[in-house]
Structure formats: C-alpha cells, structure tokens
N, C-alpha and C. Protein backbone atom coordinates (compact mmCIF):
# COMPACT_ATOMS: atom_id res chain seq x y z
N MET A 1 -1.10 -6.29 59.61
CA MET A 1 -0.93 -7.44 58.45
C MET A 1 -2.23 -7.11 57.43
N LYS A 2 -3.41 -6.66 58.04
CA LYS A 2 -4.64 -6.43 57.06
C LYS A 2 -4.19 -5.15 55.97
N LYS A 3 -3.36 -4.52 56.77
CA LYS A 3 -2.87 -3.05 55.81
C LYS A 3 -2.12 -3.55 54.70
N PHE A 4 -1.21 -4.76 55.12
CA PHE A 4 -0.35 -5.65 54.15
C PHE A 4 -1.23 -5.92 53.12
N LEU A 5 -2.36 -7.03 53.55
CA LEU A 5 -3.16 -8.19 52.40
C LEU A 5 -3.84 -6.72 51.57
N ALA A 6 -4.28 -5.80 52.30
CA ALA A 6 -5.05 -4.96 51.42
C ALA A 6 -4.19 -4.00 50.54
N GLY A 7 -3.25 -3.77 50.86
CA GLY A 7 -2.17 -2.98 50.13
C GLY A 7 -1.94 -4.24 48.65
N THR A 8 -1.60 -5.31 49.17
CA THR A 8 -1.21 -6.55 47.89
C THR A 8 -2.35 -6.65 46.99
N ALA A 9 -3.72 -6.72 47.74
CA ALA A 9 -4.86 -7.19 46.97
C ALA A 9 -5.20 -6.03 45.83
N GLY A 10 -4.85 -4.93 46.45
CA GLY A 10 -5.20 -3.40 45.52
C GLY A 10 -4.08 -3.65 44.42
N LYS A 11 -2.64 -4.08 44.78
CA LYS A 11 -1.85 -4.09 43.93
C LYS A 11 -2.33 -4.94 42.78
N VAL A 12 -2.44 -6.15 43.36
CA VAL A 12 -2.92 -7.38 42.49
C VAL A 12 -3.79 -6.92 41.37
N THR A 13 -4.99 -5.89 41.69
CA THR A 13 -6.23 -5.82 41.06
C THR A 13 -5.62 -4.53 39.87
N ILE A 14 -4.96 -3.98 40.35
CA ILE A 14 -4.06 -2.80 39.29
C ILE A 14 -3.64 -3.58 38.47
N ILE A 15 -2.75 -4.62 38.70
CA ILE A 15 -1.59 -5.43 37.74
C ILE A 15 -2.74 -6.11 36.71
N THR A 16 -3.97 -6.89 37.11
CA THR A 16 -4.85 -7.56 36.51
C THR A 16 -5.68 -6.62 35.38
N VAL A 17 -5.46 -5.35 35.91
CA VAL A 17 -6.31 -4.33 35.23
C VAL A 17 -5.49 -4.29 33.86
N VAL A 18 -4.34 -3.85 34.40
CA VAL A 18 -3.22 -3.22 33.01
C VAL A 18 -3.30 -4.43 32.20
N LEU A 19 -2.80 -5.74 32.66
CA LEU A 19 -2.70 -6.90 32.06
C LEU A 19 -3.76 -7.00 31.09
N LEU A 20 -5.21 -7.00 31.31
CA LEU A 20 -6.28 -6.98 30.57
C LEU A 20 -6.50 -6.09 29.39
N LEU A 21 -5.80 -4.69 29.79
CA LEU A 21 -6.01 -3.55 28.96
C LEU A 21 -4.78 -4.04 27.71
N VAL A 22 -3.71 -4.51 28.16
CA VAL A 22 -2.67 -4.93 27.15
C VAL A 22 -3.21 -6.16 26.38
N LEU A 23 -3.93 -6.76 26.90
CA LEU A 23 -4.67 -7.89 25.93
C LEU A 23 -5.46 -7.31 25.09
N CYS A 24 -6.71 -6.61 25.20
CA CYS A 24 -7.31 -6.17 24.80
C CYS A 24 -6.69 -5.33 23.43
N ILE A 25 -5.80 -4.33 23.59
CA ILE A 25 -4.70 -3.59 22.54
C ILE A 25 -4.15 -4.70 21.70
N PHE A 26 -3.91 -5.79 22.43
CA PHE A 26 -3.15 -6.65 21.39
C PHE A 26 -3.94 -7.26 20.43
N LEU A 27 -5.11 -7.54 20.94
CA LEU A 27 -6.57 -8.46 20.16
C LEU A 27 -6.83 -7.17 18.87
N ILE A 28 -7.12 -6.06 19.32
CA ILE A 28 -7.69 -5.21 18.48
C ILE A 28 -6.41 -5.05 17.55
N LYS A 29 -5.24 -4.95 17.64
CA LYS A 29 -4.01 -4.78 16.78
C LYS A 29 -4.20 -5.90 15.88
N THR A 30 -4.36 -6.81 16.52
CA THR A 30 -4.16 -8.19 15.64
C THR A 30 -5.43 -8.32 14.80
N SER A 31 -6.41 -8.12 14.87
CA SER A 31 -7.78 -7.99 14.17
C SER A 31 -7.77 -6.86 12.87
N GLN A 32 -7.04 -5.77 13.45
CA GLN A 32 -6.68 -4.54 12.15
C GLN A 32 -5.55 -5.00 11.32
N GLU A 33 -4.68 -5.93 11.76
CA GLU A 33 -3.89 -6.40 10.56
C GLU A 33 -4.28 -7.61 9.71
N GLU A 34 -5.61 -8.33 10.26
CA GLU A 34 -6.26 -8.90 9.81
C GLU A 34 -6.97 -8.82 8.61
N LYS A 35 -7.40 -7.60 8.72
CA LYS A 35 -7.94 -6.50 7.75
C LYS A 35 -7.12 -6.27 6.32
N ALA A 36 -5.83 -6.46 6.72
CA ALA A 36 -5.25 -5.97 5.64
C ALA A 36 -4.74 -7.17 4.99
N ALA A 37 -5.52 -8.32 5.00
CA ALA A 37 -5.06 -9.63 4.29
C ALA A 37 -4.72 -9.57 3.17
N ASP A 38 -3.55 -10.35 3.02
CA ASP A 38 -3.43 -10.37 1.64
C ASP A 38 -3.88 -11.00 0.43
N VAL A 39 -4.24 -10.23 -0.93
CA VAL A 39 -5.30 -10.64 -1.55
C VAL A 39 -4.62 -11.13 -2.58
N GLU A 40 -5.56 -11.83 -3.61
CA GLU A 40 -4.95 -12.75 -4.75
C GLU A 40 -4.63 -11.63 -5.93
N PRO A 41 -3.66 -11.92 -6.68
CA PRO A 41 -3.13 -10.53 -7.36
C PRO A 41 -4.30 -10.70 -8.82
N ALA A 42 -4.68 -11.54 -9.04
CA ALA A 42 -5.90 -11.43 -10.17
C ALA A 42 -7.14 -10.82 -9.75
N GLN A 43 -7.45 -10.94 -8.45
CA GLN A 43 -8.47 -10.42 -7.90
C GLN A 43 -8.19 -8.99 -7.68
N ALA A 44 -7.08 -8.21 -7.51
CA ALA A 44 -6.75 -7.17 -7.02
C ALA A 44 -6.81 -6.27 -8.70
N VAL A 45 -6.11 -7.07 -9.66
CA VAL A 45 -5.81 -6.59 -11.06
C VAL A 45 -7.64 -6.49 -11.56
N GLN A 46 -8.14 -6.87 -11.42
CA GLN A 46 -9.80 -7.15 -11.68
C GLN A 46 -10.06 -5.85 -11.42
N GLU A 47 -10.02 -5.46 -9.51
CA GLU A 47 -10.51 -4.79 -9.25
C GLU A 47 -10.30 -3.37 -9.66
N TRP A 48 -8.84 -3.23 -9.87
CA TRP A 48 -8.29 -1.98 -10.45
C TRP A 48 -8.53 -1.51 -11.77
N THR A 49 -8.73 -2.46 -12.75
CA THR A 49 -9.12 -2.17 -13.89
C THR A 49 -10.80 -1.91 -14.44
N VAL A 50 -11.64 -1.96 -13.19
CA VAL A 50 -12.73 -2.00 -13.29
C VAL A 50 -13.38 -1.05 -14.38
N ASP A 51 -12.39 0.36 -14.16
CA ASP A 51 -12.91 1.27 -15.01
C ASP A 51 -12.71 1.41 -16.24
N GLY A 52 -11.79 0.53 -16.76
CA GLY A 52 -11.51 0.41 -17.98
C GLY A 52 -10.05 1.43 -18.40
N LEU A 53 -9.54 1.74 -17.37
CA LEU A 53 -8.34 2.73 -17.73
C LEU A 53 -7.07 2.06 -17.08
N PRO A 54 -5.86 2.32 -17.82
CA PRO A 54 -4.78 1.97 -17.27
C PRO A 54 -4.51 2.09 -15.52
N VAL A 55 -3.54 1.25 -15.23
CA VAL A 55 -3.33 1.44 -13.59
C VAL A 55 -1.82 1.85 -13.50
N PHE A 56 -1.38 2.89 -12.51
CA PHE A 56 -0.15 3.35 -12.06
C PHE A 56 -0.33 2.50 -10.79
N ILE A 57 0.55 1.79 -10.66
CA ILE A 57 1.01 1.12 -9.17
C ILE A 57 2.18 1.58 -8.34
N ASP A 58 1.78 2.13 -7.44
CA ASP A 58 2.94 2.54 -6.46
C ASP A 58 3.11 1.36 -5.05
N PHE A 59 4.42 0.48 -5.67
CA PHE A 59 4.71 -0.31 -4.74
C PHE A 59 5.53 0.33 -3.62
N THR A 60 4.99 0.15 -2.21
CA THR A 60 5.65 1.01 -1.15
C THR A 60 6.12 0.06 0.48
N ALA A 61 6.38 0.69 1.08
CA ALA A 61 6.41 -0.02 2.30
C ALA A 61 6.52 1.26 3.33
N ASP A 62 5.81 0.75 4.67
CA ASP A 62 5.82 1.80 5.73
C ASP A 62 7.08 2.41 6.18
N TRP A 63 8.18 0.96 6.23
CA TRP A 63 9.53 1.58 6.80
C TRP A 63 10.22 2.03 5.94
N CYS A 64 9.85 2.35 4.62
CA CYS A 64 10.83 2.75 3.62
C CYS A 64 10.56 4.69 3.38
N PRO A 65 11.74 5.27 3.89
CA PRO A 65 12.05 6.97 3.92
C PRO A 65 11.68 7.47 2.09
N TYR A 66 12.06 6.47 1.51
CA TYR A 66 12.11 7.29 0.08
C TYR A 66 10.48 7.42 -0.55
N CYS A 67 9.87 6.29 0.19
CA CYS A 67 8.37 5.91 -0.12
C CYS A 67 7.61 7.25 0.56
N LYS A 68 8.02 7.34 1.65
CA LYS A 68 7.56 8.83 2.18
C LYS A 68 7.60 10.00 1.55
N GLU A 69 8.94 10.23 1.07
CA GLU A 69 9.23 11.57 0.51
C GLU A 69 8.15 11.55 -0.72
N MET A 70 7.98 10.36 -1.57
CA MET A 70 7.38 10.07 -2.58
C MET A 70 5.89 10.74 -2.61
N GLU A 71 5.29 10.62 -1.41
CA GLU A 71 3.71 10.73 -1.15
C GLU A 71 3.39 11.92 -2.09
N PRO A 72 3.95 13.13 -1.66
CA PRO A 72 3.75 14.38 -2.12
C PRO A 72 3.54 14.52 -3.51
N VAL A 73 4.46 14.07 -4.13
CA VAL A 73 4.62 13.91 -5.64
C VAL A 73 3.51 13.03 -6.36
N LEU A 74 3.25 11.84 -5.45
CA LEU A 74 2.21 10.97 -5.94
C LEU A 74 0.56 11.61 -5.94
N LYS A 75 0.53 12.20 -4.81
CA LYS A 75 -0.58 12.81 -4.69
C LYS A 75 -0.49 14.05 -6.03
N GLU A 76 0.33 14.93 -6.20
CA GLU A 76 -0.09 15.78 -7.25
C GLU A 76 -0.52 14.81 -9.00
N LEU A 77 0.06 14.10 -8.87
CA LEU A 77 0.04 13.16 -10.09
C LEU A 77 -1.24 12.46 -10.08
N ARG A 78 -1.69 11.89 -8.95
CA ARG A 78 -3.10 11.68 -8.88
C ARG A 78 -4.39 12.81 -9.33
N ARG A 79 -3.83 14.19 -8.62
CA ARG A 79 -4.84 14.97 -9.26
C ARG A 79 -4.67 15.38 -10.65
N GLU A 80 -3.41 15.72 -11.34
CA GLU A 80 -3.28 15.94 -12.59
C GLU A 80 -3.57 14.65 -13.71
N TYR A 81 -3.74 13.61 -13.09
CA TYR A 81 -4.09 12.21 -14.07
C TYR A 81 -5.36 11.56 -13.79
N ASP A 82 -6.42 12.57 -12.71
CA ASP A 82 -7.74 11.93 -12.60
C ASP A 82 -8.24 11.84 -13.66
N GLY A 83 -9.02 10.33 -13.79
CA GLY A 83 -9.68 9.94 -15.28
C GLY A 83 -9.29 9.72 -16.26
N LYS A 84 -7.84 9.72 -15.94
CA LYS A 84 -7.21 9.23 -17.25
C LYS A 84 -6.41 7.72 -16.79
N ILE A 85 -5.83 7.58 -15.49
CA ILE A 85 -5.10 6.53 -15.39
C ILE A 85 -5.83 6.17 -13.66
N THR A 86 -6.05 5.26 -13.40
CA THR A 86 -6.13 4.86 -11.63
C THR A 86 -4.96 4.56 -11.14
N PHE A 87 -4.81 5.40 -10.10
CA PHE A 87 -3.54 5.15 -8.90
C PHE A 87 -3.71 4.31 -8.09
N VAL A 88 -3.18 3.15 -7.84
CA VAL A 88 -3.43 2.30 -6.70
C VAL A 88 -2.12 2.51 -5.89
N THR A 89 -1.93 1.89 -4.49
CA THR A 89 -0.97 1.80 -3.62
C THR A 89 -0.80 0.21 -2.99
N VAL A 90 0.32 -0.44 -3.39
CA VAL A 90 0.30 -1.56 -2.89
C VAL A 90 1.32 -1.62 -1.91
N ASN A 91 1.10 -1.74 -0.49
CA ASN A 91 2.12 -1.84 0.64
C ASN A 91 2.72 -3.37 0.31
N VAL A 92 4.17 -3.55 0.50
CA VAL A 92 4.43 -4.96 -0.30
C VAL A 92 4.64 -5.98 1.01
N ASP A 93 4.62 -5.22 2.40
CA ASP A 93 4.50 -6.17 3.54
C ASP A 93 3.25 -6.59 3.63
N GLU A 94 2.17 -6.02 3.36
CA GLU A 94 0.75 -6.45 3.61
C GLU A 94 0.33 -7.17 2.50
N GLN A 95 0.69 -6.88 1.35
CA GLN A 95 0.21 -7.59 -0.15
C GLN A 95 1.35 -8.17 -0.60
N LYS A 96 1.85 -9.19 0.01
CA LYS A 96 3.12 -9.74 -0.47
C LYS A 96 2.99 -10.74 -1.72
N LYS A 97 1.54 -11.37 -1.75
CA LYS A 97 1.54 -11.87 -3.12
C LYS A 97 1.36 -11.07 -4.31
N ILE A 98 0.72 -9.77 -4.45
CA ILE A 98 0.70 -8.90 -5.54
C ILE A 98 2.17 -8.54 -5.66
N ALA A 99 3.09 -8.20 -4.74
CA ALA A 99 4.56 -7.86 -4.81
C ALA A 99 5.31 -8.94 -5.76
N GLN A 100 4.99 -10.19 -5.09
CA GLN A 100 5.64 -11.57 -5.65
C GLN A 100 4.92 -11.67 -7.08
N GLU A 101 3.94 -11.39 -7.77
CA GLU A 101 3.42 -11.70 -8.70
C GLU A 101 4.00 -10.69 -9.80
N PHE A 102 4.14 -9.39 -9.21
CA PHE A 102 4.74 -8.46 -10.30
C PHE A 102 6.13 -8.41 -10.19
N GLY A 103 6.67 -9.21 -9.30
CA GLY A 103 8.73 -9.45 -9.28
C GLY A 103 9.02 -8.41 -8.32
N VAL A 104 8.26 -7.73 -7.43
CA VAL A 104 8.77 -6.38 -6.93
C VAL A 104 9.67 -6.97 -5.64
N SER A 105 11.10 -6.39 -5.80
CA SER A 105 11.84 -7.10 -4.47
C SER A 105 12.76 -6.02 -3.71
N SER A 106 12.23 -4.76 -4.24
CA SER A 106 12.48 -3.76 -3.17
C SER A 106 11.53 -2.38 -3.50
N VAL A 107 11.56 -1.38 -2.97
CA VAL A 107 10.71 -0.41 -3.05
C VAL A 107 11.49 1.04 -2.65
N PRO A 108 10.97 2.33 -3.26
CA PRO A 108 10.09 2.27 -4.31
C PRO A 108 10.00 1.88 -5.59
N VAL A 109 8.70 1.37 -6.07
CA VAL A 109 8.59 0.80 -7.58
C VAL A 109 7.49 1.23 -8.13
N TYR A 110 7.55 2.01 -9.23
CA TYR A 110 6.37 1.94 -9.97
C TYR A 110 6.01 1.47 -11.08
N MET A 111 4.57 0.87 -11.39
CA MET A 111 4.65 0.02 -12.65
C MET A 111 3.43 0.47 -13.19
N ILE A 112 3.02 0.51 -14.59
CA ILE A 112 1.79 0.66 -15.52
C ILE A 112 1.32 -0.40 -15.95
N LEU A 113 0.31 -0.62 -15.82
CA LEU A 113 -0.75 -1.58 -16.39
C LEU A 113 -1.73 -1.35 -17.54
N ASP A 114 -1.81 -1.61 -18.53
CA ASP A 114 -2.90 -1.20 -19.51
C ASP A 114 -4.09 -1.54 -18.85
N ALA A 115 -5.28 -1.35 -19.54
CA ALA A 115 -6.43 -1.36 -19.34
C ALA A 115 -7.28 -2.79 -18.86
N SER A 116 -6.25 -3.60 -19.65
CA SER A 116 -6.67 -5.29 -19.17
C SER A 116 -5.78 -5.75 -18.27
N GLY A 117 -5.05 -5.11 -17.58
CA GLY A 117 -4.30 -5.30 -16.59
C GLY A 117 -2.70 -5.86 -16.68
N THR A 118 -2.30 -5.83 -17.90
CA THR A 118 -0.86 -6.44 -18.22
C THR A 118 0.17 -5.37 -18.02
N PRO A 119 1.11 -5.82 -17.62
CA PRO A 119 2.13 -4.74 -17.28
C PRO A 119 2.63 -4.18 -18.56
N VAL A 120 2.86 -3.00 -18.47
CA VAL A 120 3.35 -2.31 -19.87
C VAL A 120 5.04 -1.89 -19.50
N THR A 121 5.15 -1.11 -18.38
CA THR A 121 6.44 -0.94 -17.87
C THR A 121 6.52 -0.40 -16.65
N TYR A 122 7.75 -0.10 -16.11
CA TYR A 122 8.05 -0.14 -14.55
C TYR A 122 9.22 0.82 -14.33
N TYR A 123 9.16 1.53 -13.29
CA TYR A 123 10.03 2.57 -12.64
C TYR A 123 10.51 2.13 -11.37
N PRO A 124 11.90 1.58 -11.14
CA PRO A 124 12.33 1.19 -10.06
C PRO A 124 13.13 2.72 -9.39
N GLY A 125 12.80 3.05 -8.06
CA GLY A 125 13.31 3.88 -7.26
C GLY A 125 12.26 5.35 -7.04
N ALA A 126 13.05 6.04 -6.11
CA ALA A 126 12.24 7.71 -6.21
C ALA A 126 12.54 8.10 -7.28
N ALA A 127 11.80 9.09 -7.49
CA ALA A 127 11.83 10.04 -8.83
C ALA A 127 11.39 10.98 -8.55
N THR A 128 11.47 12.47 -9.35
CA THR A 128 11.05 13.92 -9.29
C THR A 128 9.73 13.33 -9.97
N LYS A 129 8.84 14.66 -9.54
CA LYS A 129 7.46 14.64 -10.33
C LYS A 129 7.71 14.51 -12.11
N GLU A 130 8.51 15.19 -12.58
CA GLU A 130 8.88 15.24 -13.79
C GLU A 130 9.26 14.01 -14.33
N ALA A 131 9.89 13.43 -13.59
CA ALA A 131 10.39 12.06 -14.03
C ALA A 131 9.47 10.98 -13.98
N LEU A 132 8.45 10.86 -13.14
CA LEU A 132 7.46 10.21 -12.94
C LEU A 132 6.21 10.83 -14.35
N THR A 133 5.94 12.12 -14.44
CA THR A 133 5.42 12.36 -15.74
C THR A 133 5.52 11.77 -16.71
N ALA A 134 7.35 12.02 -17.31
CA ALA A 134 7.56 11.45 -18.48
C ALA A 134 7.37 9.95 -18.52
N PHE A 135 7.37 9.22 -17.08
CA PHE A 135 7.01 8.05 -16.96
C PHE A 135 6.00 7.28 -17.65
N ILE A 136 4.98 8.29 -17.17
CA ILE A 136 3.16 8.20 -17.38
C ILE A 136 3.18 8.50 -18.94
N GLU A 137 3.71 9.33 -19.44
CA GLU A 137 3.25 10.14 -20.83
C GLU A 137 4.00 8.87 -21.64
N ASP A 138 5.03 8.64 -21.61
CA ASP A 138 6.01 7.30 -22.27
C ASP A 138 5.02 6.13 -22.45
N ALA A 139 4.09 5.67 -21.16
CA ALA A 139 3.50 4.46 -21.35
C ALA A 139 2.41 4.83 -22.29
N PHE A 140 1.44 6.11 -21.82
CA PHE A 140 0.65 6.45 -22.94
C PHE A 140 0.91 6.39 -24.50
N ALA A 141 2.19 6.55 -24.50
CA ALA A 141 2.47 6.32 -26.00
C ALA A 141 3.13 5.28 -26.57
N ASN A 142 3.15 4.33 -25.66
CA ASN A 142 3.59 2.99 -25.89
C ASN A 142 2.26 2.25 -26.72
N PRO A 143 2.45 1.74 -27.88
CA PRO A 143 1.78 0.98 -28.57
C PRO A 143 0.68 -0.02 -27.85
N ASP A 144 1.15 -0.82 -26.97
CA ASP A 144 0.45 -1.52 -26.24
C ASP A 144 -0.73 -0.71 -25.42
N MET A 145 -0.20 0.43 -25.41
CA MET A 145 -1.35 1.36 -24.51
C MET A 145 -2.10 2.42 -25.77
N ALA A 146 -2.30 1.73 -26.81
CA ALA A 146 -2.91 2.61 -27.95
C ALA A 146 -4.37 2.76 -27.40
N GLY A 147 -4.71 3.87 -27.47
CA GLY A 147 -6.08 4.20 -27.41
C GLY A 147 -6.77 4.21 -25.84
N GLU A 148 -5.71 3.82 -25.01
CA GLU A 148 -6.04 4.00 -23.60
C GLU A 148 -5.55 5.13 -22.86
N GLY A 149 -6.38 5.75 -21.87
CA GLY A 149 -5.62 6.48 -20.72
C GLY A 149 -5.80 8.10 -21.56
N ALA A 150 -5.07 7.87 -22.58
CA ALA A 150 -4.64 9.27 -23.30
C ALA A 150 -5.62 10.12 -23.60
C-alpha cells in the first residue's frame, strides 16, 4: 500500500508541476498579446508622420498567405525608398481600430498617406514589385503629394 501511495503522490506532483508550467506559459502569452494593444488611429498617424515623409501602410494579417508572399517585395521597396517614404505594417487583427479607421476589410491592402497623414491612394491585393513601385511613383506624382517624398 505504501508503494501505491508513493507512486500516486509522485504522479500528483508531476501533474501539479505540468499544470503550473501550462499556467505560466498561458500568462506569458497573454501578457505578450496585451503589448500589441490596439492604439488609437490618430496617435499612430502622428507617430508615422513625425519625420515629415509620406507613409506607405502595409495592412496585413498573420494568417494571410498572400501577405507572407509579399514580405520580400516590401523589404526591397523599403530599401529602395529609404528616406523618401516611411513604411509601416499594420496587423489588422492586432490593430483593429486603425484598420477600421482606414476602411480595411481584407488583406493585403496598401495605402499611401501624405506627410500630414491624409490618405492619398490605396492598392488592394497582392502585387508585383513593379506594380507597387508604379503605385508609389504615381502617388508621388499626385498633386496632393506635391513637394513631399519625391
């Protein structure tokens, strides 16, 4: 009988430790998700435009396969337009207020704001590097963007 109790106590201890580990992991994950709290759109736009440059917004989601495919293209564009336009990424699941403010209901969507934070144009869906380059250049040629970024 003592062996049975010792074995049972050992199992209970192991189960308790495992449950505590699961609880710790859950609490850590929850606190990390809170760090990605939804910010107010006006605050975000103010932060994005602090350098006085137009803003290219990449609206994306972790579950979106097309968004993942676009990452290398966007990385190249960031490098090519460094100092001319500010690139930001908005995860629509984490930043719902921003997505709603700009009317984004699907991803990927790309939007360009002028240096004051006013939307100038948008591009829905995945695209080639050439198409997004033309999108950016067309935005720079837009009279609403005159004198900014280009």
